[in-house]
Protein backbone atom coordinates (compact mmCIF):
# COMPACT_ATOMS: atom_id res chain seq x y z
CA GLU A 1 14.72 -3.92 4.20
CA LEU A 2 16.23 -1.56 6.78
CA VAL A 3 15.06 1.46 4.91
CA GLU A 4 11.53 -0.03 4.74
CA VAL A 5 11.45 -0.87 8.44
CA ASN A 6 12.92 2.44 9.61
CA SER A 7 10.79 4.70 7.35
CA ALA A 8 8.47 6.96 9.34
CA SER A 9 6.55 7.85 6.26
CA LEU A 10 5.78 4.20 5.44
CA LYS A 11 4.62 3.70 9.03
CA SER A 12 2.22 6.61 8.64
CA TYR A 13 0.91 5.17 5.36
CA ALA A 14 0.41 1.76 7.10
CA LEU A 15 -1.56 3.46 9.85
CA ARG A 16 -3.65 5.24 7.30
CA ILE A 17 -4.46 1.85 5.69
CA GLU A 18 -5.62 0.46 9.02
CA GLN A 19 -7.72 3.50 9.67
CA GLU A 20 -9.42 3.32 6.21
CA LYS A 21 -9.97 -0.46 6.70
CA SER A 22 -11.69 0.21 10.07
CA LEU A 23 -13.86 2.89 8.44
CA LEU A 24 -14.77 0.51 5.56
CA ILE A 25 -15.77 -2.19 8.07
CA ALA A 26 -17.87 0.36 9.91
CA GLN A 27 -19.68 1.34 6.69
CA ILE A 28 -20.26 -2.31 5.69
CA SER A 29 -21.75 -3.00 9.18
CA SER A 30 -24.60 -0.60 8.26
CA TRP A 31 -26.08 -3.52 6.28
CA TYR A 32 -26.71 -5.50 9.54
CA PRO A 33 -29.12 -4.95 12.36
CA THR A 34 -28.12 -3.54 15.62
CA VAL A 35 -29.20 -5.14 18.87
CA ASN A 36 -29.34 -3.18 22.17
CA LEU A 37 -29.71 -5.22 25.35
CA SER A 38 -30.15 -3.44 28.64
CA ALA A 39 -30.93 -4.63 32.14
CA ASN A 40 -32.20 -2.46 34.97
CA GLY A 41 -30.87 -3.64 38.24
CA LEU A 42 -29.44 -7.00 39.19
CA PRO A 43 -31.60 -10.16 39.27
CA GLN A 44 -33.54 -10.26 42.51
CA TYR A 45 -34.63 -13.24 44.52
CA LEU A 46 -37.57 -12.49 46.84
CA VAL A 47 -38.82 -14.81 49.54
CA GLY A 48 -42.15 -14.04 51.21
CA ASP A 49 -43.94 -15.63 54.17
CA GLN A 50 -47.63 -14.96 54.97
CA TYR A 51 -49.40 -15.74 58.15
CA ARG A 52 -53.22 -15.53 58.32
CA ASN A 53 -55.75 -16.01 61.02
CA PRO A 54 -56.67 -19.68 60.96
CA ASP A 55 -60.23 -18.77 61.74
CA PHE A 56 -60.77 -17.17 58.38
CA THR A 57 -58.73 -19.36 55.99
CA ASN A 58 -57.89 -22.99 55.27
CA THR A 59 -54.18 -22.29 54.81
CA PRO A 60 -52.86 -20.20 57.66
CA TYR A 61 -49.28 -20.19 56.34
CA THR A 62 -48.03 -19.58 52.75
CA ARG A 63 -44.51 -19.16 51.47
CA SER A 64 -43.60 -17.64 48.08
CA ASN A 65 -40.32 -17.54 46.10
CA GLN A 66 -39.84 -15.12 43.27
CA TRP A 67 -37.06 -14.20 40.86
CA SER A 68 -37.32 -10.87 39.17
CA THR A 69 -35.30 -8.73 36.77
CA ALA A 70 -35.95 -6.11 34.11
CA LEU A 71 -34.52 -6.79 30.70
CA SER A 72 -34.98 -4.75 27.55
CA VAL A 73 -34.01 -5.79 24.03
CA GLN A 74 -34.20 -3.45 21.03
CA VAL A 75 -33.44 -4.52 17.47
CA LYS A 76 -32.99 -1.82 14.79
CA TRP A 77 -32.45 -2.58 11.12
CA ASN A 78 -32.45 0.02 8.40
CA ILE A 79 -33.61 -2.12 5.52
CA ILE A 80 -33.95 0.74 3.12
CA ASP A 81 -31.14 3.33 3.18
CA PRO A 82 -30.29 4.89 -0.17
CA GLY A 83 -27.09 6.50 1.15
CA ARG A 84 -25.61 3.21 2.38
CA VAL A 85 -24.27 1.88 -0.96
CA PRO A 86 -22.53 5.13 -2.02
CA ALA A 87 -21.02 5.45 1.47
CA ILE A 88 -19.63 1.91 1.30
CA ALA A 89 -18.26 2.52 -2.20
CA ALA A 90 -16.59 5.74 -1.06
CA ALA A 91 -15.06 3.99 1.94
CA ARG A 92 -13.79 1.19 -0.32
CA ASP A 93 -12.28 3.71 -2.68
CA ARG A 94 -10.53 5.54 0.16
CA TYR A 95 -9.20 2.15 1.45
CA GLU A 96 -7.88 1.28 -1.97
CA LYS A 97 -6.36 4.73 -2.37
CA ALA A 98 -4.56 4.29 0.95
CA ILE A 99 -3.16 0.92 -0.16
CA ASN A 100 -2.00 2.37 -3.49
CA SER A 101 -0.40 5.38 -1.71
CA TYR A 102 1.48 2.93 0.53
CA LEU A 103 2.69 0.91 -2.42
CA ILE A 104 3.83 3.97 -4.28
CA ALA A 105 5.69 5.29 -1.26
CA LEU A 106 7.27 1.89 -0.74
CA ARG A 107 8.46 1.71 -4.36
CA ASP A 108 9.83 5.25 -4.10
CA ILE A 109 11.71 4.43 -0.90
CA LYS A 110 13.14 1.20 -2.36
CA LEU A 111 14.13 3.05 -5.50
CA GLU A 112 15.90 5.74 -3.55
CA ALA A 113 17.64 3.08 -1.42
CA VAL A 114 18.88 1.36 -4.56
CA ARG A 115 20.06 4.62 -5.98
CA GLN A 116 21.90 5.49 -2.81
CA TYR A 117 23.43 2.05 -2.73
CA PHE A 118 24.81 2.42 -6.26
CA LEU A 119 26.10 5.88 -5.33
CA LEU A 120 27.86 4.29 -2.39
CA GLN A 121 29.39 1.61 -4.61
CA ARG A 122 30.61 4.32 -6.96
CA ALA A 123 32.04 6.23 -4.01
CA ASP A 124 33.80 3.08 -2.72
CA GLU A 125 35.27 2.50 -6.17
CA GLY A 126 36.41 6.14 -6.26
CA VAL A 127 38.21 5.68 -2.96
CA ARG A 128 39.81 2.49 -4.20
CA ILE A 129 40.97 4.21 -7.42
CA GLY A 130 42.20 7.22 -5.36
CA LYS A 131 44.34 4.93 -3.15
CA GLN A 132 45.79 3.25 -6.26
CA SER A 133 46.56 6.65 -7.78
CA VAL A 134 48.34 7.78 -4.56
CA LYS A 135 50.41 4.57 -4.57
CA ALA A 136 51.27 5.07 -8.26
CA SER A 137 52.21 8.67 -7.59
CA ILE A 138 54.50 7.66 -4.72
CA VAL A 139 56.24 5.16 -6.95
CA SER A 140 56.53 7.76 -9.72
CA LEU A 141 57.95 10.34 -7.27
CA ARG A 142 60.46 7.85 -5.91
CA ASP A 143 61.51 6.97 -9.49
CA SER A 144 61.78 10.62 -10.43
CA LYS A 145 63.99 11.37 -7.38
CA ALA A 146 66.18 8.30 -8.13
CA ARG A 147 66.57 9.38 -11.83
CA TYR A 148 67.35 12.93 -10.65
CA LYS A 149 70.04 11.73 -8.26
CA ALA A 150 71.42 9.51 -11.14
CA GLY A 151 71.47 12.64 -13.32
CA VAL A 152 69.15 11.36 -16.07
CA ALA A 153 66.13 13.51 -15.03
CA THR A 154 65.51 17.20 -14.35
CA LYS A 155 64.28 18.86 -11.21
CA LEU A 156 61.11 19.67 -13.19
CA GLU A 157 60.20 15.95 -13.45
CA VAL A 158 60.57 15.60 -9.66
CA LEU A 159 58.43 18.68 -9.06
CA GLU A 160 55.79 17.34 -11.54
CA ALA A 161 55.74 13.99 -9.64
CA GLU A 162 55.34 15.81 -6.33
CA THR A 163 52.48 17.92 -7.78
CA GLN A 164 50.78 14.81 -9.17
CA LEU A 165 51.11 13.12 -5.68
CA ALA A 166 49.55 16.19 -4.06
CA ARG A 167 46.65 16.18 -6.63
CA ASP A 168 46.06 12.42 -6.04
CA LYS A 169 46.05 12.87 -2.26
CA GLN A 170 43.55 15.73 -2.66
CA LEU A 171 41.40 13.55 -4.93
CA LEU A 172 41.57 10.70 -2.38
CA THR A 173 40.51 13.03 0.40
CA ARG A 174 37.52 14.32 -1.68
CA LYS A 175 36.51 10.70 -2.55
CA ILE A 176 36.62 9.66 1.06
CA GLY A 177 34.45 12.65 1.95
CA ASP A 178 31.98 11.69 -0.74
CA GLN A 179 31.97 8.13 0.49
CA ASN A 180 31.16 9.24 4.02
CA ILE A 181 28.32 11.56 2.83
CA THR A 182 26.85 8.77 0.72
CA ARG A 183 26.96 6.36 3.64
CA ARG A 184 25.11 8.81 5.87
CA GLN A 185 22.51 9.40 3.15
CA LEU A 186 22.01 5.69 2.72
CA GLY A 187 21.60 5.22 6.47
CA SER A 188 18.90 7.93 6.81
């Protein structure tokens, strides 16, 4: 799970899926009409008062109230568009391809993580075996020295035990190094 969460390549594949999904939705929207609504200016409220000479008219005073605004609505719908269906199909194919690419990358990353985990297990076991070998070589060297002091063994057996201890220490050091390298690789 950590490898999946921390993978930059998986994040880029996920972003690619989102991008292709948005493009697919944009292509599908070409089936629907578009509506443009525009307004020129804010609504206006006008009040007017008129005064006329009472000698010439029956109503010398009139008052008028008026609301006014300018609205425009435009509806556009391409009912016949021969390029629409292939464009949607191509967008759907790109979207599915992005999903499949993500799934393939996810499987590859998981497979690599499992492989690295098993390599780490093998390295851990190599370190454990190396420690046991060093312990056994120390016991063997101690026994060889004790037998040499007792006079039942030769100096050659003591030297062979020391050589074996040195080899086992070297092997343990190499196994610890392998373990550290494997841990770093698993963490990246």
